[in-house]
Amino acid sequence: MITLSLAEIAEIVGGQPHDIPDPAVTVTGPVVIDSREVAPGSLFVAFAGERVDGHDYAQRAVEAGAAAVLAARPVGVPAIVVDDVLGALGVLARTVVERLGTTVVALTGSAGKTSTKDLIAQLLQRHGPTVWTPGSLNNEIGLPLTALSATSETQHLVLEMGARGIGHIRYLTELTPPRIGLVLNVGSAHLGEFGSREAIAQAKGEMVEGLPEDGCAVLNADDPLVHAMASRTKARVLLFGEAPEADVRGEKVRMTPDGRPAFELHTPTGCSDVTLRLYGEHHVSNALAAAAVAHELGMSVTEIADALSEAGTLSRWRMEVTERGDGVTVVNDAYNANPESMRAALRALAAMGQARAADGGRTWAVLGQMAELGDASLAEHDAVGRLAVRLNVSKLVAVGGREASWLQLGAYNEGSWGEESVHVSDAQAAVDLLRSELRPGDVVLVKASRSVGLEKVAQALLENSTEGEVAGR
């Protein structure tokens, strides 16, 4: 964060200094909410959560070097006390971003946010110092913390924004007003909370409503609900996709023998070939979105294509491909799941399996619940089970309770008989099955919503094995 004195911070957030001997002391370290992450000069933000109250760790934070604590009550150490800690954190972030004058790029969408954010970050790093959202810290706490990690040298601030209701994106864009706003897609994620894809589109479209006239709305030409958001912004619109009207367009899309997408990238300044290191055709749309942002910020088509072809994954458990020493490939995509990302992962698995089929390699889909689908849950899980069969996945391992049984039922009704699909109770049962049956050349996809914790399956399969290089890194 840019250097601010405790007196300045108190004025910005409307707080009262408590137990501060010298208000001129400056915050020079990171703003953190975990006392274990405190560094000399940090500002420790104390949140009272359901299980842990950050105020109880204020003493520890100051002893570790924090300059002060942002708190809701006096804590016996240097503190700035406010009525609303969350609101104060947001005000501080907005003030710092305004003073920095950095270009803010914000993005949202039902699927692919984190992967696309990682691609944008890797492209823009070539263009100047860039700060981006770590992992999926895309809510009202994670976003201001990311913004406050920017410095006076930061040229680009890339912020992922998530929504669980109408008004969430609008609030986040007010904290860190973007000049470039990107909407990837409108899918079924959180359908149980929003009720319809139209309601999801209403929420995601808040991204472009607050853009300035000299800003840019980057919209997916291939998604009708996103394309229609052009009418909701006063900013200039830049379209990406495979549709003929897209300004940044992918043509001649194809898959390499090992399941990586390649395409011809067209921008208003020319065209160039791209072969991604990432796995799965769904990354074409993510790459085109990133290319559109990079084009808007002045990168040439050659620079963009080269950067895309070299970019890897920065966030864990997202199509993380590792080949074991015995030739078994583990695809850990267990960070989260929704119907769109599940279908994309299965297609990627099928493509990867084709390259190994001649040598007897098989494909395994270890799948679990897709959460927050509401009344659509049964139909969506059934459809994923059916798709696994249509893609000729060698074996479906459905892990968990009711939703897993729906996955297996879909596969069964599509014609999966005998041992082609199996339902197991938990991650350990899946691990036991896989350890007994995997053989060299097999490819194992592991995917479910974050709450299921299926990353344990991938981690167990890679324990005590001689791992190869993680592909796409």
Protein backbone atom coordinates (compact mmCIF):
# COMPACT_ATOMS: atom_id res chain seq x y z
CA MET A 1 0.00 0.00 0.00
CA ILE A 2 1.11 3.58 -0.49
CA THR A 3 2.51 4.97 2.76
CA LEU A 4 -0.12 6.55 5.02
CA SER A 5 0.14 7.76 8.59
CA LEU A 6 -2.22 6.44 11.22
CA ALA A 7 -3.67 9.95 11.50
CA GLU A 8 -4.40 9.97 7.74
CA ILE A 9 -6.01 6.54 7.88
CA ALA A 10 -8.19 7.59 10.82
CA GLU A 11 -9.35 10.63 8.86
CA ILE A 12 -10.06 8.60 5.72
CA VAL A 13 -12.17 5.98 7.50
CA GLY A 14 -13.76 8.33 10.03
CA GLY A 15 -12.25 6.42 12.95
CA GLN A 16 -11.07 7.29 16.44
CA PRO A 17 -7.42 6.66 17.41
CA HIS A 18 -6.97 4.63 20.60
CA ASP A 19 -3.73 3.92 22.43
CA ILE A 20 -1.68 5.47 19.59
CA PRO A 21 1.37 7.25 21.06
CA ASP A 22 2.40 8.79 17.74
CA PRO A 23 -0.28 9.39 15.03
CA ALA A 24 2.51 10.14 12.57
CA VAL A 25 3.57 6.48 12.54
CA THR A 26 3.08 5.17 9.01
CA VAL A 27 1.65 1.97 7.61
CA THR A 28 4.26 0.65 5.20
CA GLY A 29 3.44 -3.07 5.19
CA PRO A 30 0.53 -5.10 3.87
CA VAL A 31 -3.06 -4.78 5.09
CA VAL A 32 -4.01 -8.19 6.49
CA ILE A 33 -6.85 -9.94 8.30
CA ASP A 34 -4.78 -12.89 9.55
CA SER A 35 -2.34 -12.13 12.39
CA ARG A 36 -0.02 -14.82 11.02
CA GLU A 37 0.50 -12.73 7.88
CA VAL A 38 1.54 -9.57 9.70
CA ALA A 39 4.79 -7.97 8.56
CA PRO A 40 6.56 -4.91 10.00
CA GLY A 41 4.42 -1.84 9.33
CA SER A 42 1.22 -3.77 8.59
CA LEU A 43 -2.31 -2.66 9.31
CA PHE A 44 -4.18 -5.56 10.94
CA VAL A 45 -7.92 -5.53 10.26
CA ALA A 46 -9.91 -7.22 13.03
CA PHE A 47 -13.12 -8.91 11.89
CA ALA A 48 -15.49 -10.61 14.30
CA GLY A 49 -16.41 -13.83 12.50
CA GLU A 50 -18.74 -16.66 13.44
CA ARG A 51 -15.94 -18.81 14.86
CA VAL A 52 -12.99 -16.45 15.33
CA ASP A 53 -12.87 -12.84 16.51
CA GLY A 54 -9.90 -10.98 15.07
CA HIS A 55 -9.94 -8.58 18.02
CA ASP A 56 -8.62 -11.42 20.16
CA TYR A 57 -5.45 -11.45 18.03
CA ALA A 58 -4.76 -7.70 18.11
CA GLN A 59 -2.01 -8.00 20.73
CA ARG A 60 -0.31 -10.76 18.74
CA ALA A 61 -0.49 -8.68 15.55
CA VAL A 62 1.15 -5.65 17.14
CA GLU A 63 3.84 -7.81 18.72
CA ALA A 64 4.55 -9.20 15.24
CA GLY A 65 5.12 -5.69 13.92
CA ALA A 66 1.72 -4.26 12.96
CA ALA A 67 1.65 -0.47 13.17
CA ALA A 68 -1.95 -0.55 14.37
CA VAL A 69 -5.27 -2.40 14.28
CA LEU A 70 -8.44 -1.37 12.45
CA ALA A 71 -11.07 -2.48 14.94
CA ALA A 72 -14.66 -2.15 16.09
CA ARG A 73 -13.63 -1.57 19.73
CA PRO A 74 -10.54 -0.62 21.74
CA VAL A 75 -8.15 -3.58 22.00
CA GLY A 76 -5.43 -2.35 24.36
CA VAL A 77 -2.91 -1.73 21.58
CA PRO A 78 -2.64 1.01 18.93
CA ALA A 79 -5.95 0.97 17.07
CA ILE A 80 -8.24 2.99 14.86
CA VAL A 81 -11.77 2.26 16.06
CA VAL A 82 -14.70 2.46 13.63
CA ASP A 83 -18.37 1.52 13.73
CA ASP A 84 -18.14 -0.70 10.65
CA VAL A 85 -14.82 -2.45 10.01
CA LEU A 86 -15.88 -3.83 6.63
CA GLY A 87 -17.11 -0.44 5.45
CA ALA A 88 -13.93 1.25 6.67
CA LEU A 89 -11.77 -1.26 4.80
CA GLY A 90 -13.70 -0.49 1.62
CA VAL A 91 -13.38 3.27 2.06
CA LEU A 92 -9.65 2.93 2.61
CA ALA A 93 -9.29 0.81 -0.53
CA ARG A 94 -11.22 3.27 -2.68
CA THR A 95 -9.19 6.22 -1.42
CA VAL A 96 -5.88 4.47 -2.04
CA VAL A 97 -6.88 3.37 -5.56
CA GLU A 98 -7.99 6.90 -6.42
CA ARG A 99 -4.68 8.32 -5.20
CA LEU A 100 -2.67 5.75 -7.12
CA GLY A 101 -4.35 6.47 -10.43
CA THR A 102 -3.70 2.92 -11.62
CA THR A 103 -5.78 1.38 -14.41
CA VAL A 104 -8.38 -0.88 -12.81
CA VAL A 105 -9.51 -3.92 -14.80
CA ALA A 106 -12.46 -5.76 -13.25
CA LEU A 107 -14.05 -8.98 -14.43
CA THR A 108 -16.95 -11.22 -13.54
CA GLY A 109 -18.83 -14.19 -14.97
CA SER A 110 -20.44 -17.46 -13.99
CA ALA A 111 -17.44 -19.59 -14.99
CA GLY A 112 -13.79 -19.03 -15.79
CA LYS A 113 -13.24 -15.88 -13.71
CA THR A 114 -10.09 -17.01 -11.95
CA SER A 115 -8.50 -18.65 -14.99
CA THR A 116 -9.16 -15.54 -17.09
CA LYS A 117 -7.90 -13.23 -14.34
CA ASP A 118 -4.68 -15.25 -14.25
CA LEU A 119 -4.30 -14.93 -18.02
CA ILE A 120 -4.90 -11.18 -17.96
CA ALA A 121 -2.35 -10.77 -15.18
CA GLN A 122 0.30 -12.67 -17.13
CA LEU A 123 -0.35 -10.62 -20.27
CA LEU A 124 -0.35 -7.24 -18.54
CA GLN A 125 2.79 -8.00 -16.55
CA ARG A 126 4.63 -7.69 -19.86
CA HIS A 127 3.15 -4.23 -20.25
CA GLY A 128 3.93 -2.88 -16.78
CA PRO A 129 3.80 -3.65 -13.02
CA THR A 130 0.55 -5.50 -12.32
CA VAL A 131 -1.30 -6.53 -9.15
CA TRP A 132 -4.10 -9.07 -9.32
CA THR A 133 -6.55 -10.96 -7.13
CA PRO A 134 -4.85 -13.96 -5.51
CA GLY A 135 -6.86 -17.16 -5.97
CA SER A 136 -10.58 -16.39 -5.74
CA LEU A 137 -10.55 -13.62 -3.12
CA ASN A 138 -13.27 -11.81 -5.02
CA ASN A 139 -15.71 -10.65 -2.33
CA GLU A 140 -16.16 -7.52 -0.21
CA ILE A 141 -13.16 -8.49 1.95
CA GLY A 142 -10.78 -10.02 -0.58
CA LEU A 143 -11.22 -7.29 -3.18
CA PRO A 144 -10.18 -4.31 -0.99
CA LEU A 145 -7.29 -6.33 0.45
CA THR A 146 -6.02 -6.92 -3.09
CA ALA A 147 -6.48 -3.26 -4.00
CA LEU A 148 -4.53 -2.20 -0.91
CA SER A 149 -1.58 -4.31 -2.03
CA ALA A 150 -1.02 -1.97 -4.98
CA THR A 151 1.83 0.54 -4.80
CA SER A 152 2.75 3.80 -6.51
CA GLU A 153 4.50 1.74 -9.20
CA THR A 154 1.44 -0.39 -10.04
CA GLN A 155 0.17 0.30 -13.55
CA HIS A 156 -2.59 -2.32 -13.72
CA LEU A 157 -4.88 -3.58 -10.97
CA VAL A 158 -6.77 -6.71 -12.09
CA LEU A 159 -9.71 -7.53 -9.84
CA GLU A 160 -11.99 -10.55 -9.96
CA MET A 161 -15.52 -9.84 -8.70
CA GLY A 162 -18.03 -12.43 -7.52
CA ALA A 163 -21.73 -12.04 -6.78
CA ARG A 164 -24.25 -13.91 -4.67
CA GLY A 165 -27.05 -11.43 -5.13
CA ILE A 166 -28.28 -8.34 -6.94
CA GLY A 167 -26.19 -5.31 -5.97
CA HIS A 168 -23.00 -7.19 -5.03
CA ILE A 169 -21.09 -6.34 -8.22
CA ARG A 170 -22.30 -2.74 -8.05
CA TYR A 171 -20.93 -2.44 -4.51
CA LEU A 172 -17.56 -3.87 -5.51
CA THR A 173 -17.24 -1.57 -8.53
CA GLU A 174 -17.96 1.38 -6.26
CA LEU A 175 -15.08 0.33 -3.99
CA THR A 176 -12.60 0.13 -6.88
CA PRO A 177 -14.13 1.82 -9.94
CA PRO A 178 -12.84 0.07 -13.08
CA ARG A 179 -11.96 1.70 -16.38
CA ILE A 180 -12.21 -1.67 -18.10
CA GLY A 181 -15.07 -3.98 -17.13
CA LEU A 182 -15.19 -7.55 -18.49
CA VAL A 183 -18.15 -9.94 -18.39
CA LEU A 184 -17.30 -13.50 -19.42
CA ASN A 185 -20.57 -15.39 -19.44
CA VAL A 186 -23.89 -16.04 -17.76
CA GLY A 187 -24.29 -19.65 -16.69
CA SER A 188 -25.91 -21.79 -14.03
CA ALA A 189 -23.56 -21.14 -11.10
CA HIS A 190 -25.58 -19.93 -8.08
CA LEU A 191 -28.80 -20.63 -9.95
CA GLY A 192 -30.34 -21.72 -6.65
CA GLU A 193 -29.68 -18.30 -5.16
CA PHE A 194 -30.64 -16.12 -8.13
CA GLY A 195 -33.54 -18.21 -9.44
CA SER A 196 -32.92 -17.72 -13.17
CA ARG A 197 -30.17 -17.00 -15.68
CA GLU A 198 -31.88 -13.67 -16.41
CA ALA A 199 -31.44 -12.69 -12.76
CA ILE A 200 -27.79 -13.75 -12.92
CA ALA A 201 -27.39 -11.57 -16.03
CA GLN A 202 -28.95 -8.66 -14.18
CA ALA A 203 -26.37 -9.02 -11.41
CA LYS A 204 -23.35 -9.59 -13.68
CA GLY A 205 -24.31 -6.64 -15.87
CA GLU A 206 -23.77 -4.27 -12.96
CA MET A 207 -20.12 -4.54 -13.95
CA VAL A 208 -20.60 -2.28 -16.98
CA GLU A 209 -23.23 0.12 -15.67
CA GLY A 210 -20.81 2.26 -13.70
CA LEU A 211 -18.03 2.42 -16.29
CA PRO A 212 -17.02 5.96 -17.32
CA GLU A 213 -17.63 7.25 -20.82
CA ASP A 214 -13.95 6.93 -21.61
CA GLY A 215 -13.94 3.37 -20.24
CA CYS A 216 -14.38 0.08 -22.06
CA ALA A 217 -16.92 -2.71 -21.60
CA VAL A 218 -15.43 -6.02 -22.80
CA LEU A 219 -18.32 -8.37 -23.58
CA ASN A 220 -18.70 -11.93 -24.86
CA ALA A 221 -20.19 -11.87 -28.34
CA ASP A 222 -20.95 -15.61 -28.10
CA ASP A 223 -23.24 -15.26 -25.06
CA PRO A 224 -26.54 -13.49 -25.91
CA LEU A 225 -27.18 -12.43 -22.31
CA VAL A 226 -23.73 -10.85 -22.09
CA HIS A 227 -23.87 -9.32 -25.57
CA ALA A 228 -27.12 -7.59 -24.57
CA MET A 229 -25.31 -5.78 -21.73
CA ALA A 230 -23.97 -3.35 -24.35
CA SER A 231 -27.18 -1.38 -23.86
CA ARG A 232 -26.46 -0.97 -20.14
CA THR A 233 -23.24 1.02 -20.41
CA LYS A 234 -22.14 4.44 -21.59
CA ALA A 235 -18.63 3.13 -22.14
CA ARG A 236 -17.24 1.96 -25.46
CA VAL A 237 -17.96 -1.74 -26.14
CA LEU A 238 -15.31 -4.25 -27.25
CA LEU A 239 -16.61 -7.69 -28.22
CA PHE A 240 -14.64 -10.94 -27.97
CA GLY A 241 -15.51 -14.47 -29.04
CA GLU A 242 -15.77 -16.67 -32.11
CA ALA A 243 -18.79 -14.84 -33.56
CA PRO A 244 -18.12 -12.91 -36.80
CA GLU A 245 -18.96 -9.59 -35.14
CA ALA A 246 -16.36 -10.01 -32.39
CA ASP A 247 -13.63 -7.36 -32.43
CA VAL A 248 -11.16 -9.78 -30.85
CA ARG A 249 -11.92 -13.10 -32.46
CA GLY A 250 -10.76 -16.68 -32.45
CA GLU A 251 -10.78 -18.58 -35.75
CA LYS A 252 -9.70 -22.09 -36.81
CA VAL A 253 -10.06 -23.39 -33.27
CA ARG A 254 -8.63 -26.87 -32.87
CA MET A 255 -7.19 -29.17 -30.22
CA THR A 256 -3.63 -30.47 -30.08
CA PRO A 257 -3.25 -34.25 -29.70
CA ASP A 258 -2.74 -33.88 -25.94
CA GLY A 259 -5.88 -31.76 -25.39
CA ARG A 260 -4.61 -28.18 -25.53
CA PRO A 261 -6.48 -25.58 -27.61
CA ALA A 262 -4.95 -23.75 -30.54
CA PHE A 263 -6.49 -21.00 -32.64
CA GLU A 264 -5.87 -18.02 -34.85
CA LEU A 265 -6.16 -14.76 -32.89
CA HIS A 266 -7.63 -11.79 -34.77
CA THR A 267 -7.61 -8.26 -33.36
CA PRO A 268 -8.21 -4.88 -35.03
CA THR A 269 -4.43 -4.63 -35.48
CA GLY A 270 -3.77 -8.01 -37.10
CA CYS A 271 -3.70 -11.75 -36.46
CA SER A 272 -1.35 -14.34 -34.99
CA ASP A 273 -1.39 -18.03 -34.00
CA VAL A 274 -1.86 -19.16 -30.40
CA THR A 275 -1.34 -22.56 -28.81
CA LEU A 276 -2.23 -22.56 -25.14
CA ARG A 277 -0.39 -24.47 -22.44
CA LEU A 278 -3.73 -24.85 -20.65
CA TYR A 279 -5.98 -27.87 -21.18
CA GLY A 280 -9.55 -27.74 -22.45
CA GLU A 281 -11.33 -25.96 -25.29
CA HIS A 282 -13.18 -23.73 -22.80
CA HIS A 283 -9.93 -21.80 -22.33
CA VAL A 284 -10.30 -20.38 -25.84
CA SER A 285 -13.03 -18.03 -24.63
CA ASN A 286 -10.98 -17.13 -21.54
CA ALA A 287 -7.93 -16.42 -23.71
CA LEU A 288 -9.93 -14.24 -26.11
CA ALA A 289 -11.30 -12.25 -23.18
CA ALA A 290 -7.78 -11.70 -21.86
CA ALA A 291 -6.60 -10.76 -25.36
CA ALA A 292 -9.36 -8.16 -25.63
CA VAL A 293 -8.27 -6.51 -22.38
CA ALA A 294 -4.63 -6.55 -23.47
CA HIS A 295 -5.55 -5.06 -26.85
CA GLU A 296 -7.48 -2.28 -25.13
CA LEU A 297 -4.37 -1.46 -23.10
CA GLY A 298 -2.18 -1.18 -26.17
CA MET A 299 -0.49 -4.55 -26.57
CA SER A 300 0.16 -5.70 -30.15
CA VAL A 301 -1.37 -8.88 -31.50
CA THR A 302 2.07 -10.51 -31.62
CA GLU A 303 2.77 -9.61 -27.99
CA ILE A 304 -0.62 -10.95 -26.96
CA ALA A 305 -0.27 -14.20 -28.88
CA ASP A 306 3.22 -14.85 -27.52
CA ALA A 307 2.10 -14.15 -23.94
CA LEU A 308 -0.98 -16.37 -24.25
CA SER A 309 1.09 -19.22 -25.65
CA GLU A 310 3.44 -19.02 -22.67
CA ALA A 311 0.86 -18.41 -19.92
CA GLY A 312 0.16 -21.05 -17.32
CA THR A 313 -2.16 -21.43 -14.36
CA LEU A 314 -1.46 -19.27 -11.31
CA SER A 315 -4.21 -20.61 -9.05
CA ARG A 316 -4.27 -24.10 -7.60
CA TRP A 317 -6.69 -26.92 -8.36
CA ARG A 318 -7.88 -25.52 -11.69
CA MET A 319 -7.14 -28.01 -14.48
CA GLU A 320 -3.83 -28.67 -12.73
CA VAL A 321 -2.31 -31.48 -14.81
CA THR A 322 0.41 -33.65 -13.29
CA GLU A 323 1.88 -36.82 -14.77
CA ARG A 324 3.08 -39.36 -12.22
CA GLY A 325 6.28 -41.27 -12.68
CA ASP A 326 4.31 -44.40 -13.59
CA GLY A 327 2.51 -42.65 -16.48
CA VAL A 328 -0.82 -41.94 -14.74
CA THR A 329 -1.98 -38.35 -15.34
CA VAL A 330 -3.97 -36.58 -12.61
CA VAL A 331 -6.10 -33.55 -13.52
CA ASN A 332 -6.96 -31.67 -10.34
CA ASP A 333 -9.86 -29.34 -11.15
CA ALA A 334 -11.41 -29.68 -7.72
CA TYR A 335 -11.51 -26.02 -6.66
CA ASN A 336 -15.12 -25.58 -7.71
CA ALA A 337 -17.76 -26.79 -10.15
CA ASN A 338 -20.91 -25.73 -11.96
CA PRO A 339 -22.65 -27.30 -14.96
CA GLU A 340 -20.69 -25.26 -17.51
CA SER A 341 -17.27 -25.88 -16.00
CA MET A 342 -18.10 -29.56 -15.42
CA ARG A 343 -18.97 -30.04 -19.09
CA ALA A 344 -15.82 -28.21 -20.15
CA ALA A 345 -13.64 -30.36 -17.89
CA LEU A 346 -15.20 -33.58 -19.19
CA ARG A 347 -14.56 -32.53 -22.79
CA ALA A 348 -10.96 -31.73 -21.89
CA LEU A 349 -10.64 -35.16 -20.28
CA ALA A 350 -12.00 -36.83 -23.40
CA ALA A 351 -9.54 -34.92 -25.60
CA MET A 352 -6.61 -35.86 -23.37
CA GLY A 353 -7.74 -39.48 -23.38
CA GLN A 354 -7.78 -39.72 -27.15
CA ALA A 355 -4.03 -39.18 -27.28
CA ARG A 356 -3.49 -42.10 -24.92
CA ALA A 357 -6.15 -44.51 -26.18
CA ALA A 358 -3.85 -46.20 -28.68
CA ASP A 359 -1.59 -47.28 -25.83
CA GLY A 360 -4.48 -48.57 -23.72
CA GLY A 361 -4.87 -45.48 -21.57
CA ARG A 362 -8.30 -44.97 -19.99
CA THR A 363 -10.17 -41.88 -18.79
CA TRP A 364 -11.59 -41.60 -15.27
CA ALA A 365 -14.04 -38.91 -14.19
CA VAL A 366 -14.12 -38.62 -10.39
CA LEU A 367 -17.00 -36.23 -9.85
CA GLY A 368 -18.97 -34.87 -6.91
CA GLN A 369 -21.76 -32.46 -6.10
CA MET A 370 -22.28 -29.17 -7.92
CA ALA A 371 -23.64 -26.94 -5.18
CA GLU A 372 -26.16 -24.06 -5.22
CA LEU A 373 -28.23 -25.23 -8.20
CA GLY A 374 -31.59 -25.13 -6.44
CA ASP A 375 -34.46 -26.85 -8.24
CA ALA A 376 -32.23 -27.49 -11.27
CA SER A 377 -29.87 -29.72 -9.29
CA LEU A 378 -31.34 -33.10 -10.24
CA ALA A 379 -31.53 -32.29 -13.95
CA GLU A 380 -28.03 -30.80 -14.06
CA HIS A 381 -26.35 -33.71 -12.26
CA ASP A 382 -28.25 -36.17 -14.43
CA ALA A 383 -27.07 -34.30 -17.55
CA VAL A 384 -23.42 -34.41 -16.47
CA GLY A 385 -23.64 -38.17 -15.90
CA ARG A 386 -25.12 -38.60 -19.36
CA LEU A 387 -22.42 -36.43 -20.94
CA ALA A 388 -19.68 -38.58 -19.42
CA VAL A 389 -21.13 -41.56 -21.28
CA ARG A 390 -21.54 -39.66 -24.55
CA LEU A 391 -17.90 -38.61 -24.40
CA ASN A 392 -16.88 -42.24 -23.91
CA VAL A 393 -15.27 -41.63 -20.54
CA SER A 394 -13.99 -45.04 -19.49
CA LYS A 395 -15.25 -44.88 -15.93
CA LEU A 396 -17.33 -42.46 -13.89
CA VAL A 397 -16.71 -42.45 -10.14
CA ALA A 398 -19.50 -40.48 -8.47
CA VAL A 399 -18.47 -39.43 -4.95
CA GLY A 400 -20.82 -38.43 -2.16
CA GLY A 401 -24.51 -38.57 -1.33
CA ARG A 402 -27.69 -37.71 -3.17
CA GLU A 403 -26.17 -35.56 -5.92
CA ALA A 404 -23.55 -38.23 -6.65
CA SER A 405 -26.30 -40.80 -7.03
CA TRP A 406 -27.95 -38.50 -9.57
CA LEU A 407 -24.67 -38.36 -11.52
CA GLN A 408 -24.53 -42.15 -11.64
CA LEU A 409 -28.24 -42.38 -12.51
CA GLY A 410 -27.69 -40.12 -15.52
CA ALA A 411 -24.82 -42.31 -16.70
CA TYR A 412 -26.89 -45.45 -16.14
CA ASN A 413 -29.86 -44.09 -18.10
CA GLU A 414 -27.53 -43.09 -20.95
CA GLY A 415 -26.34 -46.65 -21.27
CA SER A 416 -23.51 -47.02 -18.75
CA TRP A 417 -23.71 -50.62 -17.57
CA GLY A 418 -21.67 -52.93 -15.43
CA GLU A 419 -18.52 -51.34 -14.06
CA GLU A 420 -18.50 -48.27 -16.31
CA SER A 421 -19.86 -46.14 -13.48
CA VAL A 422 -19.73 -46.53 -9.73
CA HIS A 423 -21.04 -44.61 -6.75
CA VAL A 424 -18.80 -44.37 -3.68
CA SER A 425 -19.51 -42.75 -0.34
CA ASP A 426 -16.56 -40.43 0.14
CA ALA A 427 -13.13 -39.30 -1.02
CA GLN A 428 -11.28 -42.10 0.75
CA ALA A 429 -13.42 -44.74 -0.92
CA ALA A 430 -12.61 -43.12 -4.27
CA VAL A 431 -8.90 -43.16 -3.47
CA ASP A 432 -9.01 -46.83 -2.48
CA LEU A 433 -10.77 -47.72 -5.74
CA LEU A 434 -8.38 -45.74 -7.91
CA ARG A 435 -5.25 -47.04 -6.24
CA SER A 436 -6.35 -50.60 -6.90
CA GLU A 437 -7.34 -50.10 -10.55
CA LEU A 438 -5.23 -47.34 -12.16
CA ARG A 439 -2.61 -48.35 -14.68
CA PRO A 440 0.00 -46.47 -16.75
CA GLY A 441 -1.51 -44.22 -19.41
CA ASP A 442 -4.73 -43.54 -17.50
CA VAL A 443 -6.01 -39.96 -17.09
CA VAL A 444 -7.96 -39.08 -13.95
CA LEU A 445 -10.12 -35.93 -13.70
CA VAL A 446 -11.15 -34.86 -10.19
CA LYS A 447 -13.89 -32.20 -9.98
CA ALA A 448 -16.66 -31.04 -7.64
CA SER A 449 -17.80 -27.95 -5.77
CA ARG A 450 -15.32 -26.66 -3.23
CA SER A 451 -17.43 -27.79 -0.27
CA VAL A 452 -16.98 -31.45 -1.28
CA GLY A 453 -13.21 -31.36 -0.80
CA LEU A 454 -12.36 -33.71 -3.66
CA GLU A 455 -8.90 -32.19 -3.95
CA LYS A 456 -8.04 -34.80 -1.30
CA VAL A 457 -8.43 -37.47 -3.98
CA ALA A 458 -5.95 -35.79 -6.32
CA GLN A 459 -3.51 -35.12 -3.50
CA ALA A 460 -3.69 -38.74 -2.33
CA LEU A 461 -3.03 -40.01 -5.84
CA LEU A 462 0.10 -37.89 -6.05
CA GLU A 463 1.47 -38.77 -2.63
CA ASN A 464 4.53 -41.00 -2.52
CA SER A 465 4.76 -41.02 -6.30
CA THR A 466 7.50 -39.74 -8.54
CA GLU A 467 5.67 -36.79 -10.06
CA GLY A 468 6.46 -35.27 -13.40
CA GLU A 469 6.25 -31.55 -14.08
CA VAL A 470 2.90 -29.88 -13.49
CA ALA A 471 1.75 -28.99 -16.99
CA GLY A 472 0.51 -25.50 -17.73
CA ARG A 473 2.61 -23.92 -14.99
